[in-house]
Amino acid sequence: MTIRIRKAHGDDAEVCWRIRNLAIVEQCQACYPLSAITAWTPEIMPKHYRLAILENHFYVAENSQGQLLATGYLDGATQRVEAMFTLPAAMRKGLAARIMACIKQEALARGLSAIALSSTPNAQEFYIKQGFQRVRNATHYSPAADYTFDCVEMVCPLE
């Protein structure tokens, strides 16, 4: 199967949101209660999500049939990696790693010496394989979910 990594378009937003939600539901149940996950993954996409696609180099992995399989981007304002999600049926096929490589190239082109992210506990081993290092355990309060999520702050030095 041929996969290409490309920049997302505004009309990809709803599919990207669906990938996000399916990935969270599939991967985060061991870390967070189902009630928090349900509140964290509303069916209706918030307006700011489409803006993130339009205002950043938001990448998607797309198969030869045009199906989007994975997402991720570097927030230009914060220099943080965001929205790294893979459709459950496409997990463990290297798609997120390919998107991360594009994000790192973009960061280097911007002259950044490091990028950072907040990882869910279940995803931190993936990020370590991508060159990230644990900085500290942290939490993130989500008003939408009314829940404080455990996370791991991580940084990746760039060469």
N, C-alpha and C. Protein backbone atom coordinates (compact mmCIF):
# COMPACT_ATOMS: atom_id res chain seq x y z
N MET A 1 0.84 -1.18 0.00
CA MET A 1 0.00 0.00 0.00
C MET A 1 0.89 1.25 0.00
N THR A 2 0.63 2.15 -0.92
CA THR A 2 1.38 3.38 -1.03
C THR A 2 0.81 4.42 -0.08
N ILE A 3 1.69 5.03 0.70
CA ILE A 3 1.30 6.07 1.65
C ILE A 3 2.05 7.34 1.30
N ARG A 4 1.34 8.44 1.28
CA ARG A 4 2.03 9.71 1.11
C ARG A 4 1.70 10.60 2.31
N ILE A 5 2.68 11.38 2.69
CA ILE A 5 2.49 12.37 3.75
C ILE A 5 2.32 13.70 3.05
N ARG A 6 1.26 14.41 3.39
CA ARG A 6 1.00 15.70 2.78
C ARG A 6 0.47 16.66 3.82
N LYS A 7 0.46 17.93 3.48
CA LYS A 7 -0.13 18.92 4.36
C LYS A 7 -1.65 18.81 4.25
N ALA A 8 -2.30 18.93 5.39
CA ALA A 8 -3.76 18.85 5.43
C ALA A 8 -4.37 20.13 4.86
N HIS A 9 -5.59 20.00 4.40
CA HIS A 9 -6.39 21.12 3.91
C HIS A 9 -7.55 21.33 4.88
N GLY A 10 -8.14 22.48 4.84
CA GLY A 10 -9.27 22.77 5.71
C GLY A 10 -10.39 21.76 5.58
N ASP A 11 -10.61 21.25 4.37
CA ASP A 11 -11.70 20.28 4.20
C ASP A 11 -11.36 18.89 4.73
N ASP A 12 -10.13 18.70 5.23
CA ASP A 12 -9.75 17.44 5.90
C ASP A 12 -10.11 17.45 7.39
N ALA A 13 -10.54 18.59 7.90
CA ALA A 13 -10.68 18.77 9.35
C ALA A 13 -11.57 17.73 10.01
N GLU A 14 -12.74 17.48 9.46
CA GLU A 14 -13.67 16.54 10.11
C GLU A 14 -13.11 15.13 10.16
N VAL A 15 -12.42 14.71 9.09
CA VAL A 15 -11.82 13.37 9.09
C VAL A 15 -10.67 13.31 10.10
N CYS A 16 -9.87 14.36 10.16
CA CYS A 16 -8.79 14.41 11.15
C CYS A 16 -9.34 14.35 12.57
N TRP A 17 -10.44 15.06 12.81
CA TRP A 17 -11.09 15.03 14.13
C TRP A 17 -11.56 13.62 14.47
N ARG A 18 -12.11 12.93 13.48
CA ARG A 18 -12.58 11.55 13.70
C ARG A 18 -11.40 10.63 14.02
N ILE A 19 -10.27 10.79 13.31
CA ILE A 19 -9.07 9.99 13.59
C ILE A 19 -8.63 10.25 15.02
N ARG A 20 -8.61 11.51 15.42
CA ARG A 20 -8.23 11.89 16.78
C ARG A 20 -9.07 11.14 17.80
N ASN A 21 -10.38 11.24 17.63
CA ASN A 21 -11.28 10.63 18.61
C ASN A 21 -11.14 9.11 18.66
N LEU A 22 -11.08 8.47 17.50
CA LEU A 22 -10.95 7.01 17.48
C LEU A 22 -9.63 6.57 18.11
N ALA A 23 -8.55 7.30 17.86
CA ALA A 23 -7.26 6.95 18.45
C ALA A 23 -7.29 7.10 19.97
N ILE A 24 -7.88 8.18 20.46
CA ILE A 24 -7.96 8.39 21.91
C ILE A 24 -8.77 7.28 22.56
N VAL A 25 -9.93 6.98 22.01
CA VAL A 25 -10.78 5.93 22.58
C VAL A 25 -10.05 4.58 22.58
N GLU A 26 -9.36 4.28 21.50
CA GLU A 26 -8.66 2.99 21.38
C GLU A 26 -7.45 2.88 22.31
N GLN A 27 -6.68 3.94 22.43
CA GLN A 27 -5.38 3.86 23.09
C GLN A 27 -5.36 4.33 24.54
N CYS A 28 -6.31 5.12 24.96
CA CYS A 28 -6.19 5.77 26.28
C CYS A 28 -7.04 5.15 27.38
N GLN A 29 -7.75 4.08 27.10
CA GLN A 29 -8.62 3.50 28.12
C GLN A 29 -7.86 2.93 29.30
N ALA A 30 -6.61 2.55 29.09
CA ALA A 30 -5.81 2.03 30.21
C ALA A 30 -5.30 3.15 31.11
N CYS A 31 -5.36 4.39 30.62
CA CYS A 31 -4.80 5.52 31.36
C CYS A 31 -5.84 6.39 32.05
N TYR A 32 -7.01 6.49 31.44
CA TYR A 32 -8.02 7.43 31.91
C TYR A 32 -9.38 6.75 31.98
N PRO A 33 -10.26 7.24 32.87
CA PRO A 33 -11.61 6.66 32.95
C PRO A 33 -12.41 6.93 31.67
N LEU A 34 -13.28 6.01 31.34
CA LEU A 34 -14.09 6.12 30.14
C LEU A 34 -14.92 7.41 30.12
N SER A 35 -15.40 7.84 31.27
CA SER A 35 -16.19 9.07 31.32
C SER A 35 -15.36 10.28 30.88
N ALA A 36 -14.09 10.33 31.27
CA ALA A 36 -13.21 11.43 30.86
C ALA A 36 -12.90 11.34 29.37
N ILE A 37 -12.66 10.12 28.88
CA ILE A 37 -12.37 9.93 27.45
C ILE A 37 -13.58 10.35 26.62
N THR A 38 -14.76 9.97 27.05
CA THR A 38 -15.98 10.33 26.32
C THR A 38 -16.14 11.85 26.26
N ALA A 39 -15.89 12.53 27.36
CA ALA A 39 -16.00 13.99 27.38
C ALA A 39 -14.89 14.64 26.55
N TRP A 40 -13.73 14.00 26.46
CA TRP A 40 -12.57 14.51 25.73
C TRP A 40 -12.71 14.34 24.22
N THR A 41 -13.63 13.49 23.80
CA THR A 41 -13.77 13.16 22.38
C THR A 41 -15.18 13.46 21.87
N PRO A 42 -15.62 14.71 21.96
CA PRO A 42 -16.97 15.01 21.48
C PRO A 42 -17.08 14.80 19.97
N GLU A 43 -18.24 14.40 19.54
CA GLU A 43 -18.46 14.15 18.11
C GLU A 43 -18.36 15.44 17.30
N ILE A 44 -18.84 16.53 17.87
CA ILE A 44 -18.81 17.81 17.15
C ILE A 44 -17.43 18.43 17.31
N MET A 45 -16.79 18.71 16.18
CA MET A 45 -15.45 19.28 16.16
C MET A 45 -15.50 20.76 16.55
N PRO A 46 -14.63 21.18 17.48
CA PRO A 46 -14.57 22.60 17.82
C PRO A 46 -13.96 23.42 16.67
N LYS A 47 -14.35 24.67 16.55
CA LYS A 47 -13.88 25.53 15.45
C LYS A 47 -12.36 25.69 15.45
N HIS A 48 -11.76 25.72 16.64
CA HIS A 48 -10.31 25.93 16.71
C HIS A 48 -9.52 24.81 16.05
N TYR A 49 -10.11 23.64 15.90
CA TYR A 49 -9.39 22.52 15.28
C TYR A 49 -9.13 22.81 13.81
N ARG A 50 -10.14 23.29 13.09
CA ARG A 50 -9.94 23.65 11.69
C ARG A 50 -8.90 24.77 11.58
N LEU A 51 -8.93 25.72 12.50
CA LEU A 51 -7.94 26.80 12.49
C LEU A 51 -6.52 26.27 12.66
N ALA A 52 -6.36 25.25 13.50
CA ALA A 52 -5.03 24.65 13.67
C ALA A 52 -4.53 24.08 12.35
N ILE A 53 -5.41 23.50 11.58
CA ILE A 53 -5.04 22.96 10.27
C ILE A 53 -4.66 24.08 9.32
N LEU A 54 -5.43 25.14 9.32
CA LEU A 54 -5.20 26.25 8.40
C LEU A 54 -3.98 27.09 8.77
N GLU A 55 -3.67 27.20 10.06
CA GLU A 55 -2.62 28.11 10.51
C GLU A 55 -1.26 27.44 10.72
N ASN A 56 -1.19 26.12 10.62
CA ASN A 56 0.05 25.39 10.87
C ASN A 56 0.33 24.43 9.72
N HIS A 57 1.53 23.88 9.72
CA HIS A 57 1.85 22.80 8.78
C HIS A 57 1.34 21.51 9.41
N PHE A 58 0.10 21.24 9.18
CA PHE A 58 -0.61 20.09 9.75
C PHE A 58 -0.50 18.96 8.73
N TYR A 59 0.13 17.87 9.12
CA TYR A 59 0.40 16.77 8.19
C TYR A 59 -0.61 15.63 8.36
N VAL A 60 -0.86 14.95 7.24
CA VAL A 60 -1.68 13.75 7.26
C VAL A 60 -0.99 12.66 6.45
N ALA A 61 -1.23 11.42 6.85
CA ALA A 61 -0.81 10.27 6.06
C ALA A 61 -2.03 9.80 5.29
N GLU A 62 -1.86 9.64 3.99
CA GLU A 62 -2.98 9.31 3.11
C GLU A 62 -2.61 8.08 2.27
N ASN A 63 -3.53 7.12 2.18
CA ASN A 63 -3.25 5.95 1.35
C ASN A 63 -3.60 6.22 -0.11
N SER A 64 -3.33 5.26 -0.97
CA SER A 64 -3.54 5.45 -2.41
C SER A 64 -5.01 5.63 -2.79
N GLN A 65 -5.92 5.26 -1.90
CA GLN A 65 -7.35 5.47 -2.15
C GLN A 65 -7.83 6.82 -1.62
N GLY A 66 -6.91 7.61 -1.06
CA GLY A 66 -7.27 8.93 -0.55
C GLY A 66 -7.78 8.93 0.88
N GLN A 67 -7.70 7.79 1.57
CA GLN A 67 -8.15 7.71 2.96
C GLN A 67 -7.07 8.26 3.88
N LEU A 68 -7.46 9.16 4.76
CA LEU A 68 -6.54 9.69 5.76
C LEU A 68 -6.39 8.68 6.89
N LEU A 69 -5.14 8.47 7.33
CA LEU A 69 -4.85 7.43 8.32
C LEU A 69 -4.19 7.95 9.58
N ALA A 70 -3.49 9.09 9.50
CA ALA A 70 -2.77 9.60 10.67
C ALA A 70 -2.59 11.11 10.51
N THR A 71 -2.36 11.78 11.66
CA THR A 71 -2.24 13.24 11.67
C THR A 71 -1.14 13.68 12.63
N GLY A 72 -0.73 14.93 12.49
CA GLY A 72 0.19 15.55 13.43
C GLY A 72 0.68 16.88 12.91
N TYR A 73 1.04 17.78 13.82
CA TYR A 73 1.57 19.07 13.39
C TYR A 73 2.47 19.70 14.44
N LEU A 74 3.26 20.66 13.96
CA LEU A 74 4.08 21.49 14.83
C LEU A 74 3.38 22.83 14.97
N ASP A 75 3.02 23.19 16.19
CA ASP A 75 2.41 24.49 16.46
C ASP A 75 3.52 25.54 16.33
N GLY A 76 3.39 26.40 15.35
CA GLY A 76 4.42 27.39 15.09
C GLY A 76 4.62 28.37 16.23
N ALA A 77 3.56 28.67 16.95
CA ALA A 77 3.65 29.65 18.04
C ALA A 77 4.32 29.07 19.29
N THR A 78 4.04 27.81 19.59
CA THR A 78 4.54 27.22 20.83
C THR A 78 5.74 26.28 20.63
N GLN A 79 6.01 25.92 19.38
CA GLN A 79 7.08 24.97 19.03
C GLN A 79 6.83 23.60 19.66
N ARG A 80 5.56 23.25 19.75
CA ARG A 80 5.15 21.97 20.35
C ARG A 80 4.46 21.11 19.29
N VAL A 81 4.69 19.81 19.38
CA VAL A 81 4.03 18.85 18.52
C VAL A 81 2.62 18.62 19.08
N GLU A 82 1.65 18.63 18.19
CA GLU A 82 0.25 18.47 18.57
C GLU A 82 -0.45 17.50 17.63
N ALA A 83 -1.56 16.97 18.07
CA ALA A 83 -2.49 16.17 17.25
C ALA A 83 -1.85 14.97 16.57
N MET A 84 -0.96 14.29 17.27
CA MET A 84 -0.37 13.06 16.73
C MET A 84 -1.33 11.91 17.00
N PHE A 85 -2.06 11.53 15.96
CA PHE A 85 -3.06 10.47 16.10
C PHE A 85 -3.05 9.58 14.86
N THR A 86 -3.30 8.30 15.08
CA THR A 86 -3.38 7.33 13.99
C THR A 86 -4.68 6.55 14.11
N LEU A 87 -5.34 6.36 12.98
CA LEU A 87 -6.54 5.55 12.93
C LEU A 87 -6.21 4.17 13.50
N PRO A 88 -7.02 3.63 14.41
CA PRO A 88 -6.66 2.35 15.05
C PRO A 88 -6.28 1.24 14.08
N ALA A 89 -6.98 1.09 12.97
CA ALA A 89 -6.67 0.02 12.01
C ALA A 89 -5.32 0.22 11.33
N ALA A 90 -4.76 1.43 11.40
CA ALA A 90 -3.49 1.73 10.73
C ALA A 90 -2.33 1.87 11.72
N MET A 91 -2.57 1.60 12.99
CA MET A 91 -1.51 1.75 13.99
C MET A 91 -0.41 0.72 13.80
N ARG A 92 0.78 1.08 14.25
CA ARG A 92 1.96 0.23 14.23
C ARG A 92 2.45 -0.08 12.81
N LYS A 93 2.25 0.88 11.91
CA LYS A 93 2.72 0.72 10.52
C LYS A 93 3.70 1.81 10.14
N GLY A 94 4.15 2.59 11.13
CA GLY A 94 5.16 3.60 10.87
C GLY A 94 4.64 4.94 10.37
N LEU A 95 3.33 5.12 10.33
CA LEU A 95 2.76 6.36 9.79
C LEU A 95 3.06 7.56 10.68
N ALA A 96 2.89 7.40 11.97
CA ALA A 96 3.16 8.52 12.89
C ALA A 96 4.65 8.87 12.86
N ALA A 97 5.51 7.88 12.72
CA ALA A 97 6.95 8.15 12.64
C ALA A 97 7.26 8.95 11.38
N ARG A 98 6.59 8.66 10.28
CA ARG A 98 6.81 9.42 9.04
C ARG A 98 6.32 10.86 9.20
N ILE A 99 5.19 11.04 9.86
CA ILE A 99 4.71 12.40 10.11
C ILE A 99 5.69 13.13 11.03
N MET A 100 6.17 12.44 12.06
CA MET A 100 7.13 13.07 12.98
C MET A 100 8.39 13.50 12.23
N ALA A 101 8.85 12.71 11.27
CA ALA A 101 10.02 13.09 10.48
C ALA A 101 9.76 14.40 9.73
N CYS A 102 8.57 14.56 9.19
CA CYS A 102 8.21 15.82 8.51
C CYS A 102 8.18 16.98 9.49
N ILE A 103 7.65 16.75 10.66
CA ILE A 103 7.59 17.79 11.69
C ILE A 103 9.01 18.21 12.09
N LYS A 104 9.90 17.24 12.26
CA LYS A 104 11.28 17.56 12.62
C LYS A 104 11.96 18.35 11.51
N GLN A 105 11.73 17.98 10.26
CA GLN A 105 12.31 18.72 9.13
C GLN A 105 11.81 20.16 9.13
N GLU A 106 10.53 20.32 9.37
CA GLU A 106 9.95 21.67 9.43
C GLU A 106 10.59 22.47 10.56
N ALA A 107 10.74 21.85 11.73
CA ALA A 107 11.35 22.54 12.88
C ALA A 107 12.78 22.96 12.56
N LEU A 108 13.54 22.09 11.93
CA LEU A 108 14.91 22.42 11.56
C LEU A 108 14.93 23.57 10.56
N ALA A 109 14.02 23.55 9.60
CA ALA A 109 13.94 24.63 8.61
C ALA A 109 13.62 25.97 9.27
N ARG A 110 12.91 25.92 10.38
CA ARG A 110 12.59 27.14 11.13
C ARG A 110 13.72 27.56 12.06
N GLY A 111 14.78 26.77 12.12
CA GLY A 111 15.91 27.10 12.96
C GLY A 111 15.76 26.70 14.41
N LEU A 112 14.82 25.81 14.69
CA LEU A 112 14.60 25.37 16.07
C LEU A 112 15.68 24.37 16.49
N SER A 113 16.08 24.42 17.75
CA SER A 113 17.06 23.47 18.26
C SER A 113 16.40 22.32 19.02
N ALA A 114 15.10 22.46 19.31
CA ALA A 114 14.36 21.41 20.01
C ALA A 114 12.87 21.62 19.79
N ILE A 115 12.11 20.54 19.94
CA ILE A 115 10.65 20.61 19.95
C ILE A 115 10.17 19.87 21.19
N ALA A 116 8.96 20.18 21.62
CA ALA A 116 8.43 19.60 22.85
C ALA A 116 7.01 19.09 22.61
N LEU A 117 6.50 18.34 23.57
CA LEU A 117 5.12 17.86 23.53
C LEU A 117 4.70 17.36 24.90
N SER A 118 3.41 17.21 25.06
CA SER A 118 2.83 16.55 26.23
C SER A 118 2.29 15.21 25.75
N SER A 119 2.79 14.14 26.31
CA SER A 119 2.38 12.80 25.91
C SER A 119 1.40 12.20 26.90
N THR A 120 0.44 11.47 26.37
CA THR A 120 -0.35 10.62 27.25
C THR A 120 0.57 9.50 27.74
N PRO A 121 0.31 8.93 28.91
CA PRO A 121 1.20 7.88 29.43
C PRO A 121 1.40 6.72 28.46
N ASN A 122 0.36 6.35 27.74
CA ASN A 122 0.45 5.21 26.83
C ASN A 122 1.31 5.47 25.60
N ALA A 123 1.54 6.73 25.23
CA ALA A 123 2.27 7.05 24.00
C ALA A 123 3.73 7.41 24.22
N GLN A 124 4.17 7.52 25.46
CA GLN A 124 5.52 8.02 25.69
C GLN A 124 6.61 7.12 25.11
N GLU A 125 6.42 5.83 25.06
CA GLU A 125 7.45 4.95 24.48
C GLU A 125 7.61 5.21 22.99
N PHE A 126 6.51 5.49 22.29
CA PHE A 126 6.61 5.87 20.87
C PHE A 126 7.48 7.11 20.73
N TYR A 127 7.23 8.12 21.55
CA TYR A 127 7.99 9.37 21.43
C TYR A 127 9.46 9.17 21.78
N ILE A 128 9.75 8.32 22.73
CA ILE A 128 11.15 8.02 23.06
C ILE A 128 11.85 7.43 21.83
N LYS A 129 11.17 6.54 21.11
CA LYS A 129 11.73 5.97 19.88
C LYS A 129 11.95 7.04 18.81
N GLN A 130 11.23 8.14 18.91
CA GLN A 130 11.38 9.24 17.94
C GLN A 130 12.42 10.26 18.39
N GLY A 131 13.11 9.98 19.49
CA GLY A 131 14.18 10.87 19.95
C GLY A 131 13.80 11.81 21.07
N PHE A 132 12.58 11.70 21.58
CA PHE A 132 12.16 12.56 22.70
C PHE A 132 12.68 12.00 24.02
N GLN A 133 12.85 12.91 24.96
CA GLN A 133 13.29 12.54 26.30
C GLN A 133 12.25 13.03 27.30
N ARG A 134 12.03 12.23 28.34
CA ARG A 134 11.12 12.64 29.40
C ARG A 134 11.71 13.83 30.14
N VAL A 135 10.88 14.82 30.41
CA VAL A 135 11.31 15.97 31.20
C VAL A 135 10.73 15.85 32.60
N ARG A 136 9.41 15.60 32.67
CA ARG A 136 8.75 15.46 33.97
C ARG A 136 7.34 14.95 33.78
N ASN A 137 6.80 14.37 34.82
CA ASN A 137 5.38 14.04 34.85
C ASN A 137 4.61 15.32 35.09
N ALA A 138 3.45 15.43 34.50
CA ALA A 138 2.65 16.65 34.62
C ALA A 138 1.17 16.27 34.55
N THR A 139 0.34 17.28 34.61
CA THR A 139 -1.09 17.10 34.44
C THR A 139 -1.61 18.20 33.52
N HIS A 140 -2.75 17.92 32.92
CA HIS A 140 -3.42 18.91 32.08
C HIS A 140 -4.90 18.87 32.42
N TYR A 141 -5.43 19.99 32.87
CA TYR A 141 -6.87 20.06 33.17
C TYR A 141 -7.62 20.42 31.90
N SER A 142 -8.63 19.65 31.57
CA SER A 142 -9.49 19.92 30.42
C SER A 142 -10.84 20.40 30.93
N PRO A 143 -11.16 21.68 30.71
CA PRO A 143 -12.48 22.15 31.12
C PRO A 143 -13.61 21.41 30.40
N ALA A 144 -13.39 21.06 29.12
CA ALA A 144 -14.42 20.36 28.36
C ALA A 144 -14.75 19.01 28.98
N ALA A 145 -13.71 18.30 29.44
CA ALA A 145 -13.91 16.99 30.05
C ALA A 145 -14.11 17.09 31.55
N ASP A 146 -13.82 18.26 32.12
CA ASP A 146 -13.82 18.47 33.57
C ASP A 146 -13.01 17.36 34.26
N TYR A 147 -11.79 17.18 33.75
CA TYR A 147 -10.93 16.11 34.24
C TYR A 147 -9.48 16.57 34.13
N THR A 148 -8.67 16.17 35.09
CA THR A 148 -7.24 16.45 35.06
C THR A 148 -6.52 15.20 34.57
N PHE A 149 -5.97 15.30 33.37
CA PHE A 149 -5.30 14.18 32.72
C PHE A 149 -3.82 14.14 33.11
N ASP A 150 -3.33 12.95 33.48
CA ASP A 150 -1.90 12.77 33.68
C ASP A 150 -1.23 12.81 32.31
N CYS A 151 -0.07 13.43 32.23
CA CYS A 151 0.70 13.46 30.99
C CYS A 151 2.19 13.49 31.32
N VAL A 152 2.99 13.37 30.29
CA VAL A 152 4.44 13.40 30.45
C VAL A 152 4.97 14.48 29.52
N GLU A 153 5.65 15.46 30.08
CA GLU A 153 6.27 16.51 29.27
C GLU A 153 7.55 15.93 28.69
N MET A 154 7.74 16.14 27.37
CA MET A 154 8.89 15.57 26.69
C MET A 154 9.52 16.60 25.76
N VAL A 155 10.80 16.44 25.47
CA VAL A 155 11.51 17.34 24.57
C VAL A 155 12.40 16.49 23.65
N CYS A 156 12.56 16.99 22.43
CA CYS A 156 13.42 16.31 21.45
C CYS A 156 14.43 17.31 20.93
N PRO A 157 15.72 17.12 21.26
CA PRO A 157 16.75 17.97 20.67
C PRO A 157 16.85 17.67 19.18
N LEU A 158 17.08 18.70 18.39
CA LEU A 158 17.20 18.53 16.94
C LEU A 158 18.64 18.76 16.52
N GLU A 159 19.07 18.04 15.52
CA GLU A 159 20.45 18.17 15.05
C GLU A 159 20.48 18.71 13.64
